Amino acid sequence: MASISAQTYTPTEEAEIQQWLTTSERLRAGEDKPSILETLNGHLASRTTLLGSKPSKADVAIYETLAPIVAKWSPDERTGEHGHPHIVRHLDFVQNSPQFGLALKHDQKVSVDHDDVRHVKPPVDAKAEKERLKKEKAAAAAGAAGAGAGNKEATLVDRTKEKVREKAAEVKGAAAAAVAGGEQPKKEKKEKAPKPQKAPAAAAPLSPALIDLRVGHILKAINHPDADSLFVSTIAMGDQTGDDTTEYEGQVCRTVCSGLNGLIPLAEMQGRKVVVVCNLKPVKMRGIKSSAMVLAASPKIKEGEVDDHKGPVELVSPPEGSKAGERVFFEGWKGEPEGQLNPKKKIWEMFQPGFTTTDNLEVAFNASAVEQLGKADVGKLVTESGGVCTVQTLKDAVVR
């Protein structure tokens, strides 16, 4: 294994290195430490280094952050049933391998007792496990079918009894009528009461508040494997676990594809806060399902010009201290967003032309750009905590 200085890295590996450097900073800040350690331990379970086999500055950064922490761990925290043995093994490898160039003295290293292993996961017989799951599934299906058949049989018996009772009552009534010499009175038909009509649901008033805008925290961003113009980001945005979410570093996230590759450096996408549109219908982009959209600003296209999508482009930044999932709205237009925008109603397409930036580099909504509103108000894009969302340099820009 060559030393760090002799290594070359692909753009994807460079992005992963940047991601781990961000993780190191988050650990130093004490941010959600247990879940990050759990993710890191799992990641290292099948890898010699963070990249797999190549050494990198990310390994050194993680070592320098965790060495003083791991040095204080008890044996159970290191190799117990709920410990992090792969982190310990990685730190020991980094501090003793010349490839990383640490050149630590013996008393500077984390003391590691290789013989003190408190817990070893029992080996899993894959074939036996598959057979067990198959039997459990079959038993559950048989139980459900049996219960269904029993209910059906009981229902049939009940209906049969009911019909017998009705027939007996008819025969009895006919006999009584014959003895009396009179005709059996005809049953009067009961008029059915008309069903009450449900009042139609009141349509939500037209407003940019119908668009679900939130603060998102990009935990990881990589190049799309099949599209040169796309990034694939893993973004926490305050969701509960659901069909369009995944879990990363202990947080519920969505996968988001953005056409920003070549416009924004991949390194600038790592670990940063952004503003995301959360209630657009998910779409597949070159085989990867994208479940939100990252807001970015670009210059307005002048009349007669063609949008060549060459930029410049700047991400919309929420105010410092914003938290993932925090609601974002335009001043004067606060309201409850729709669960998921109906593509046929073109809500996003209606209001997006009003998304712009001001001379103060603040993101705002200009109502005069939306004829259906009949207003000319301008409201800044703010978070629940009161800060204003901004861009770096683009004034009077398009935000989308």
Protein backbone atom coordinates (compact mmCIF):
# COMPACT_ATOMS: atom_id res chain seq x y z
CA MET A 1 0.00 0.00 0.00
CA ALA A 2 1.56 3.27 -1.14
CA SER A 3 1.76 6.30 1.15
CA ILE A 4 -0.80 9.10 1.05
CA SER A 5 1.50 11.40 -0.91
CA ALA A 6 1.86 8.81 -3.68
CA GLN A 7 -1.87 8.20 -4.06
CA THR A 8 -4.11 9.51 -6.84
CA TYR A 9 -7.85 9.71 -6.35
CA THR A 10 -10.85 9.71 -8.67
CA PRO A 11 -13.39 12.58 -8.37
CA THR A 12 -15.74 10.18 -6.58
CA GLU A 13 -13.02 9.25 -4.07
CA GLU A 14 -12.19 12.94 -3.57
CA ALA A 15 -15.85 13.56 -2.75
CA GLU A 16 -15.89 10.67 -0.29
CA ILE A 17 -12.73 11.98 1.37
CA GLN A 18 -14.42 15.37 1.78
CA GLN A 19 -17.46 13.65 3.25
CA TRP A 20 -15.34 11.89 5.89
CA LEU A 21 -13.53 15.13 6.71
CA THR A 22 -16.96 16.65 7.36
CA THR A 23 -17.86 13.64 9.53
CA SER A 24 -14.65 14.21 11.51
CA GLU A 25 -15.64 17.84 12.13
CA ARG A 26 -19.11 16.77 13.23
CA LEU A 27 -17.60 14.30 15.71
CA ARG A 28 -15.34 17.05 17.09
CA ALA A 29 -18.42 19.22 17.58
CA GLY A 30 -20.17 16.39 19.44
CA GLU A 31 -22.98 16.31 16.87
CA ASP A 32 -25.08 13.10 17.19
CA LYS A 33 -21.96 11.14 18.19
CA PRO A 34 -23.52 7.68 18.93
CA SER A 35 -25.23 7.33 15.55
CA ILE A 36 -22.15 8.56 13.61
CA LEU A 37 -19.93 6.08 15.47
CA GLU A 38 -22.38 3.28 14.70
CA THR A 39 -22.34 4.19 10.99
CA LEU A 40 -18.55 4.48 10.93
CA ASN A 41 -18.10 1.12 12.68
CA GLY A 42 -20.40 -0.55 10.16
CA HIS A 43 -18.59 1.13 7.25
CA LEU A 44 -15.21 -0.17 8.46
CA ALA A 45 -16.49 -3.72 9.02
CA SER A 46 -15.45 -4.69 5.48
CA ARG A 47 -12.73 -2.08 4.78
CA THR A 48 -9.10 -1.58 5.74
CA THR A 49 -9.34 2.19 5.21
CA LEU A 50 -12.23 4.59 4.78
CA LEU A 51 -11.90 4.35 0.98
CA GLY A 52 -11.58 0.57 1.10
CA SER A 53 -7.87 -0.04 0.64
CA LYS A 54 -6.32 3.34 -0.28
CA PRO A 55 -4.97 5.46 2.58
CA SER A 56 -6.08 9.09 2.60
CA LYS A 57 -6.06 12.23 4.74
CA ALA A 58 -9.60 11.26 5.80
CA ASP A 59 -8.17 8.29 7.78
CA VAL A 60 -5.74 10.63 9.53
CA ALA A 61 -8.51 13.15 10.33
CA ILE A 62 -10.75 10.44 11.81
CA TYR A 63 -7.79 9.10 13.80
CA GLU A 64 -6.88 12.50 15.24
CA THR A 65 -10.51 13.12 16.22
CA LEU A 66 -11.25 9.71 17.73
CA ALA A 67 -7.89 8.71 19.26
CA PRO A 68 -8.40 10.69 22.52
CA ILE A 69 -12.00 9.42 22.71
CA VAL A 70 -11.21 5.74 22.08
CA ALA A 71 -8.29 5.91 24.55
CA LYS A 72 -10.90 6.43 27.31
CA TRP A 73 -13.24 3.64 26.17
CA SER A 74 -13.77 0.65 28.42
CA PRO A 75 -13.07 -2.87 27.05
CA ASP A 76 -16.83 -3.34 26.54
CA GLU A 77 -17.07 -0.09 24.57
CA ARG A 78 -14.25 -1.35 22.39
CA THR A 79 -15.04 -5.01 21.72
CA GLY A 80 -18.20 -5.77 23.71
CA GLU A 81 -21.52 -6.82 22.19
CA HIS A 82 -22.50 -3.19 21.59
CA GLY A 83 -18.95 -1.91 21.11
CA HIS A 84 -17.13 -0.56 18.06
CA PRO A 85 -14.30 -3.02 17.35
CA HIS A 86 -13.82 -1.97 13.73
CA ILE A 87 -13.13 1.64 14.75
CA VAL A 88 -10.53 0.39 17.25
CA ARG A 89 -8.93 -1.82 14.59
CA HIS A 90 -8.84 1.10 12.12
CA LEU A 91 -7.21 3.46 14.62
CA ASP A 92 -4.60 0.84 15.49
CA PHE A 93 -3.84 0.35 11.78
CA VAL A 94 -3.49 4.10 11.13
CA GLN A 95 -1.20 4.74 14.11
CA ASN A 96 1.12 1.83 13.25
CA SER A 97 1.26 2.03 9.44
CA PRO A 98 3.98 4.21 7.85
CA GLN A 99 1.68 4.99 4.88
CA PHE A 100 -0.12 7.60 7.01
CA GLY A 101 3.10 9.36 8.07
CA LEU A 102 2.11 9.93 11.72
CA ALA A 103 5.44 8.69 13.19
CA LEU A 104 3.98 8.46 16.70
CA LYS A 105 6.02 7.40 19.71
CA HIS A 106 4.80 4.41 21.70
CA ASP A 107 3.35 6.51 24.53
CA GLN A 108 1.45 8.69 22.02
CA LYS A 109 -0.48 5.77 20.57
CA VAL A 110 -3.86 4.45 21.70
CA SER A 111 -3.19 1.32 23.72
CA VAL A 112 -4.91 -1.66 22.08
CA ASP A 113 -5.09 -5.15 23.63
CA HIS A 114 -5.64 -7.49 20.68
CA ASP A 115 -6.36 -10.45 22.98
CA ASP A 116 -9.20 -8.73 24.84
CA VAL A 117 -12.17 -9.52 22.58
CA ARG A 118 -15.38 -9.41 24.61
CA HIS A 119 -17.87 -10.44 21.93
CA VAL A 120 -17.71 -12.33 18.64
CA LYS A 121 -20.76 -12.40 16.41
CA PRO A 122 -21.87 -16.01 15.85
CA PRO A 123 -21.56 -17.08 12.21
CA VAL A 124 -24.86 -17.10 10.32
CA ASP A 125 -25.71 -20.13 8.17
CA ALA A 126 -27.13 -18.30 5.17
CA LYS A 127 -28.90 -21.38 3.80
CA ALA A 128 -30.51 -22.26 7.15
CA GLU A 129 -31.55 -18.62 7.72
CA LYS A 130 -33.17 -18.47 4.27
CA GLU A 131 -35.04 -21.73 4.95
CA ARG A 132 -36.23 -20.45 8.35
CA LEU A 133 -37.60 -17.23 6.85
CA LYS A 134 -39.30 -19.22 4.10
CA LYS A 135 -41.05 -21.48 6.64
CA GLU A 136 -42.14 -18.51 8.75
CA LYS A 137 -43.61 -16.80 5.70
CA ALA A 138 -45.44 -19.97 4.63
CA ALA A 139 -46.83 -20.49 8.14
CA ALA A 140 -48.04 -16.89 8.31
CA ALA A 141 -49.73 -17.21 4.91
CA ALA A 142 -51.41 -20.49 5.91
CA GLY A 143 -52.64 -18.95 9.15
CA ALA A 144 -54.09 -15.96 7.33
CA ALA A 145 -55.78 -18.22 4.76
CA GLY A 146 -57.24 -20.43 7.51
CA ALA A 147 -58.62 -17.46 9.38
CA GLY A 148 -60.15 -16.12 6.18
CA ALA A 149 -61.80 -19.47 5.36
CA GLY A 150 -63.20 -19.74 8.89
CA ASN A 151 -64.72 -16.29 8.69
CA LYS A 152 -66.21 -17.06 5.26
CA GLU A 153 -67.73 -20.32 6.49
CA ALA A 154 -69.25 -18.64 9.53
CA THR A 155 -70.71 -15.93 7.31
CA LEU A 156 -72.27 -18.51 4.97
CA VAL A 157 -73.84 -20.41 7.90
CA ASP A 158 -75.26 -17.19 9.33
CA ARG A 159 -76.79 -16.20 5.99
CA THR A 160 -78.29 -19.67 5.50
CA LYS A 161 -79.99 -19.51 8.93
CA GLU A 162 -81.32 -16.06 8.14
CA LYS A 163 -82.86 -17.26 4.85
CA VAL A 164 -84.50 -20.27 6.60
CA ARG A 165 -86.08 -17.97 9.18
CA GLU A 166 -87.38 -15.64 6.45
CA LYS A 167 -88.90 -18.58 4.50
CA ALA A 168 -90.59 -19.96 7.61
CA ALA A 169 -92.13 -16.58 8.36
CA GLU A 170 -93.50 -16.36 4.77
CA VAL A 171 -95.06 -19.86 4.97
CA LYS A 172 -96.62 -19.09 8.34
CA GLY A 173 -98.11 -15.85 7.02
CA ALA A 174 -99.53 -17.59 3.90
CA ALA A 175 -101.16 -20.31 6.01
CA ALA A 176 -102.80 -17.79 8.31
CA ALA A 177 -104.15 -15.87 5.32
CA ALA A 178 -105.61 -19.06 3.78
CA VAL A 179 -107.42 -20.01 6.99
CA ALA A 180 -108.94 -16.54 7.28
CA GLY A 181 -110.07 -16.76 3.63
CA GLY A 182 -108.45 -13.51 2.86
CA GLU A 183 -105.51 -12.57 0.76
CA GLN A 184 -102.13 -12.05 2.26
CA PRO A 185 -101.48 -8.33 2.51
CA LYS A 186 -98.69 -7.08 0.34
CA LYS A 187 -95.64 -5.77 2.04
CA GLU A 188 -95.22 -2.08 1.80
CA LYS A 189 -91.99 -0.96 0.28
CA LYS A 190 -90.02 1.31 2.50
CA GLU A 191 -88.76 4.39 0.79
CA LYS A 192 -85.05 4.77 1.09
CA ALA A 193 -83.92 8.01 2.62
CA PRO A 194 -81.70 9.95 0.25
CA LYS A 195 -78.04 9.78 1.16
CA PRO A 196 -76.70 13.08 2.49
CA GLN A 197 -74.40 14.72 -0.02
CA LYS A 198 -70.93 15.54 1.20
CA ALA A 199 -70.01 19.15 0.89
CA PRO A 200 -67.03 19.59 -1.47
CA ALA A 201 -63.75 20.32 0.29
CA ALA A 202 -62.86 23.98 0.25
CA ALA A 203 -60.05 24.68 -2.19
CA ALA A 204 -56.88 25.98 -0.58
CA PRO A 205 -56.27 29.64 -1.45
CA LEU A 206 -53.59 30.25 -4.07
CA SER A 207 -50.33 30.97 -2.29
CA PRO A 208 -46.63 30.09 -2.55
CA ALA A 209 -47.14 28.57 0.91
CA LEU A 210 -48.61 25.52 -0.88
CA ILE A 211 -44.99 24.65 -1.74
CA ASP A 212 -43.28 22.78 1.10
CA LEU A 213 -39.94 24.56 1.60
CA ARG A 214 -37.57 23.39 4.32
CA VAL A 215 -33.96 23.56 5.47
CA GLY A 216 -32.01 20.54 4.25
CA HIS A 217 -28.65 19.26 5.48
CA ILE A 218 -26.57 17.50 2.80
CA LEU A 219 -24.81 14.64 4.58
CA LYS A 220 -23.26 13.20 1.42
CA ALA A 221 -23.08 14.12 -2.28
CA ILE A 222 -21.59 12.05 -5.12
CA ASN A 223 -21.52 12.12 -8.90
CA HIS A 224 -24.44 10.33 -10.56
CA PRO A 225 -23.01 7.07 -11.95
CA ASP A 226 -24.93 7.39 -15.24
CA ALA A 227 -25.32 11.15 -15.81
CA ASP A 228 -22.44 13.61 -16.11
CA SER A 229 -24.60 16.63 -15.26
CA LEU A 230 -26.13 15.25 -12.05
CA PHE A 231 -25.14 15.05 -8.40
CA VAL A 232 -26.81 12.53 -6.09
CA SER A 233 -27.18 13.91 -2.56
CA THR A 234 -28.30 12.33 0.70
CA ILE A 235 -30.20 15.09 2.51
CA ALA A 236 -31.79 15.21 5.97
CA MET A 237 -34.89 17.41 5.90
CA GLY A 238 -36.87 16.52 9.01
CA ASP A 239 -38.88 13.57 7.66
CA GLN A 240 -40.36 10.59 9.44
CA THR A 241 -39.40 7.17 8.04
CA GLY A 242 -41.39 6.49 4.84
CA ASP A 243 -41.32 5.07 1.32
CA ASP A 244 -39.15 7.84 -0.11
CA THR A 245 -36.62 7.96 2.74
CA THR A 246 -33.45 6.17 3.72
CA GLU A 247 -31.33 6.21 6.87
CA TYR A 248 -27.79 7.58 6.90
CA GLU A 249 -25.63 8.30 9.94
CA GLY A 250 -28.67 7.74 12.15
CA GLN A 251 -30.78 10.34 10.34
CA VAL A 252 -33.82 9.94 8.09
CA CYS A 253 -32.89 11.30 4.67
CA ARG A 254 -34.09 11.58 1.10
CA THR A 255 -32.10 10.97 -2.06
CA VAL A 256 -32.04 14.03 -4.31
CA CYS A 257 -30.66 14.36 -7.85
CA SER A 258 -29.55 17.86 -8.85
CA GLY A 259 -28.37 19.11 -12.24
CA LEU A 260 -25.48 20.99 -10.65
CA ASN A 261 -22.51 18.89 -11.77
CA GLY A 262 -20.15 21.20 -13.61
CA LEU A 263 -21.82 24.30 -12.13
CA ILE A 264 -20.95 23.88 -8.44
CA PRO A 265 -17.85 22.01 -7.17
CA LEU A 266 -18.74 18.69 -5.56
CA ALA A 267 -16.73 19.65 -2.49
CA GLU A 268 -19.10 22.60 -1.89
CA MET A 269 -22.04 20.20 -1.70
CA GLN A 270 -20.64 18.27 1.26
CA GLY A 271 -22.07 18.83 4.75
CA ARG A 272 -23.78 22.12 3.94
CA LYS A 273 -27.27 23.46 4.63
CA VAL A 274 -29.56 24.24 1.69
CA VAL A 275 -33.23 25.01 1.01
CA VAL A 276 -35.23 22.15 -0.50
CA VAL A 277 -38.65 21.79 -2.15
CA CYS A 278 -40.12 18.76 -0.41
CA ASN A 279 -43.57 18.12 -1.93
CA LEU A 280 -42.87 17.70 -5.63
CA LYS A 281 -43.79 14.28 -7.00
CA PRO A 282 -40.68 12.00 -6.89
CA VAL A 283 -39.15 11.28 -10.30
CA LYS A 284 -36.51 8.87 -11.56
CA MET A 285 -33.44 10.55 -13.02
CA ARG A 286 -31.30 8.10 -14.99
CA GLY A 287 -32.37 5.20 -12.79
CA ILE A 288 -32.18 6.96 -9.40
CA LYS A 289 -35.35 8.15 -7.67
CA SER A 290 -35.15 11.81 -6.68
CA SER A 291 -37.54 12.82 -3.89
CA ALA A 292 -36.97 16.58 -3.54
CA MET A 293 -35.29 19.54 -5.25
CA VAL A 294 -32.45 21.81 -4.09
CA LEU A 295 -33.09 25.54 -4.66
CA ALA A 296 -30.42 27.48 -6.55
CA ALA A 297 -30.15 30.90 -8.20
CA SER A 298 -28.95 31.77 -11.70
CA PRO A 299 -29.03 34.97 -13.80
CA LYS A 300 -32.30 35.86 -15.54
CA ILE A 301 -32.38 35.16 -19.26
CA LYS A 302 -32.77 38.37 -21.22
CA GLU A 303 -35.25 38.64 -24.06
CA GLY A 304 -33.90 36.97 -27.19
CA GLU A 305 -31.27 34.96 -25.28
CA VAL A 306 -31.27 31.17 -24.96
CA ASP A 307 -30.73 29.45 -21.61
CA ASP A 308 -27.51 27.49 -22.19
CA HIS A 309 -27.45 26.24 -18.57
CA LYS A 310 -23.80 27.31 -18.22
CA GLY A 311 -24.31 29.28 -15.04
CA PRO A 312 -23.17 30.88 -12.90
CA VAL A 313 -25.27 29.06 -10.30
CA GLU A 314 -25.38 29.65 -6.53
CA LEU A 315 -27.14 27.53 -3.92
CA VAL A 316 -29.72 29.24 -1.70
CA SER A 317 -28.29 29.32 1.83
CA PRO A 318 -30.48 29.31 4.94
CA PRO A 319 -29.34 31.52 7.83
CA GLU A 320 -26.57 30.27 10.10
CA GLY A 321 -27.84 28.00 12.87
CA SER A 322 -30.81 26.68 10.88
CA LYS A 323 -31.74 23.08 11.59
CA ALA A 324 -32.60 20.35 9.12
CA GLY A 325 -36.38 20.17 8.65
CA GLU A 326 -37.04 23.77 9.75
CA ARG A 327 -39.91 25.29 7.75
CA VAL A 328 -39.08 28.05 5.27
CA PHE A 329 -41.69 30.48 3.88
CA PHE A 330 -42.07 33.88 2.25
CA GLU A 331 -43.00 36.75 4.58
CA GLY A 332 -46.68 37.59 4.17
CA TRP A 333 -47.41 34.15 2.68
CA LYS A 334 -47.12 31.78 5.61
CA GLY A 335 -49.48 28.80 5.43
CA GLU A 336 -49.83 25.04 5.39
CA PRO A 337 -48.21 23.32 2.38
CA GLU A 338 -49.92 20.55 0.43
CA GLY A 339 -48.86 16.98 1.16
CA GLN A 340 -47.75 16.40 -2.43
CA LEU A 341 -48.28 18.81 -5.29
CA ASN A 342 -50.52 17.50 -8.06
CA PRO A 343 -48.46 17.82 -11.28
CA LYS A 344 -51.65 18.50 -13.27
CA LYS A 345 -52.40 21.64 -11.23
CA LYS A 346 -48.98 23.15 -12.06
CA ILE A 347 -48.64 24.80 -8.62
CA TRP A 348 -44.83 24.90 -8.74
CA GLU A 349 -44.84 26.18 -12.32
CA MET A 350 -47.32 28.91 -11.34
CA PHE A 351 -45.34 30.36 -8.41
CA GLN A 352 -41.71 29.68 -9.36
CA PRO A 353 -41.49 32.73 -11.72
CA GLY A 354 -41.92 34.91 -8.61
CA PHE A 355 -38.89 33.37 -6.88
CA THR A 356 -36.06 35.91 -7.18
CA THR A 357 -33.20 37.66 -5.35
CA THR A 358 -32.97 41.28 -4.23
CA ASP A 359 -30.18 43.87 -4.39
CA ASN A 360 -29.34 42.81 -0.82
CA LEU A 361 -28.79 39.21 -2.05
CA GLU A 362 -31.87 38.03 -0.16
CA VAL A 363 -34.17 35.44 -1.70
CA ALA A 364 -37.73 36.74 -2.09
CA PHE A 365 -41.12 36.17 -3.73
CA ASN A 366 -42.38 38.88 -6.09
CA ALA A 367 -46.15 38.42 -6.34
CA SER A 368 -46.41 40.66 -9.40
CA ALA A 369 -44.87 37.82 -11.46
CA VAL A 370 -47.96 35.65 -10.79
CA GLU A 371 -51.02 37.17 -12.50
CA GLN A 372 -53.49 34.89 -10.67
CA LEU A 373 -52.65 36.55 -7.34
CA GLY A 374 -53.48 40.09 -8.45
CA LYS A 375 -50.92 41.52 -6.02
CA ALA A 376 -47.53 43.20 -6.15
CA ASP A 377 -46.17 42.32 -2.70
CA VAL A 378 -42.56 41.22 -2.19
CA GLY A 379 -41.80 38.90 0.74
CA LYS A 380 -38.39 37.65 1.90
CA LEU A 381 -37.71 33.92 2.22
CA VAL A 382 -37.32 33.31 5.96
CA THR A 383 -37.08 30.39 8.38
CA GLU A 384 -39.36 29.73 11.35
CA SER A 385 -36.62 31.11 13.60
CA GLY A 386 -36.66 34.40 11.67
CA GLY A 387 -33.47 34.42 9.58
CA VAL A 388 -33.41 35.34 5.87
CA CYS A 389 -32.23 32.97 3.13
CA THR A 390 -29.55 34.42 0.84
CA VAL A 391 -27.24 33.85 -2.13
CA GLN A 392 -23.59 34.88 -2.50
CA THR A 393 -23.47 37.38 -5.39
CA LEU A 394 -26.43 37.07 -7.80
CA LYS A 395 -28.87 40.01 -7.72
CA ASP A 396 -32.26 39.98 -9.48
CA ALA A 397 -31.72 36.30 -10.26
CA VAL A 398 -34.03 33.39 -11.05
CA VAL A 399 -34.44 30.94 -8.16
CA ARG A 400 -35.51 27.39 -8.97
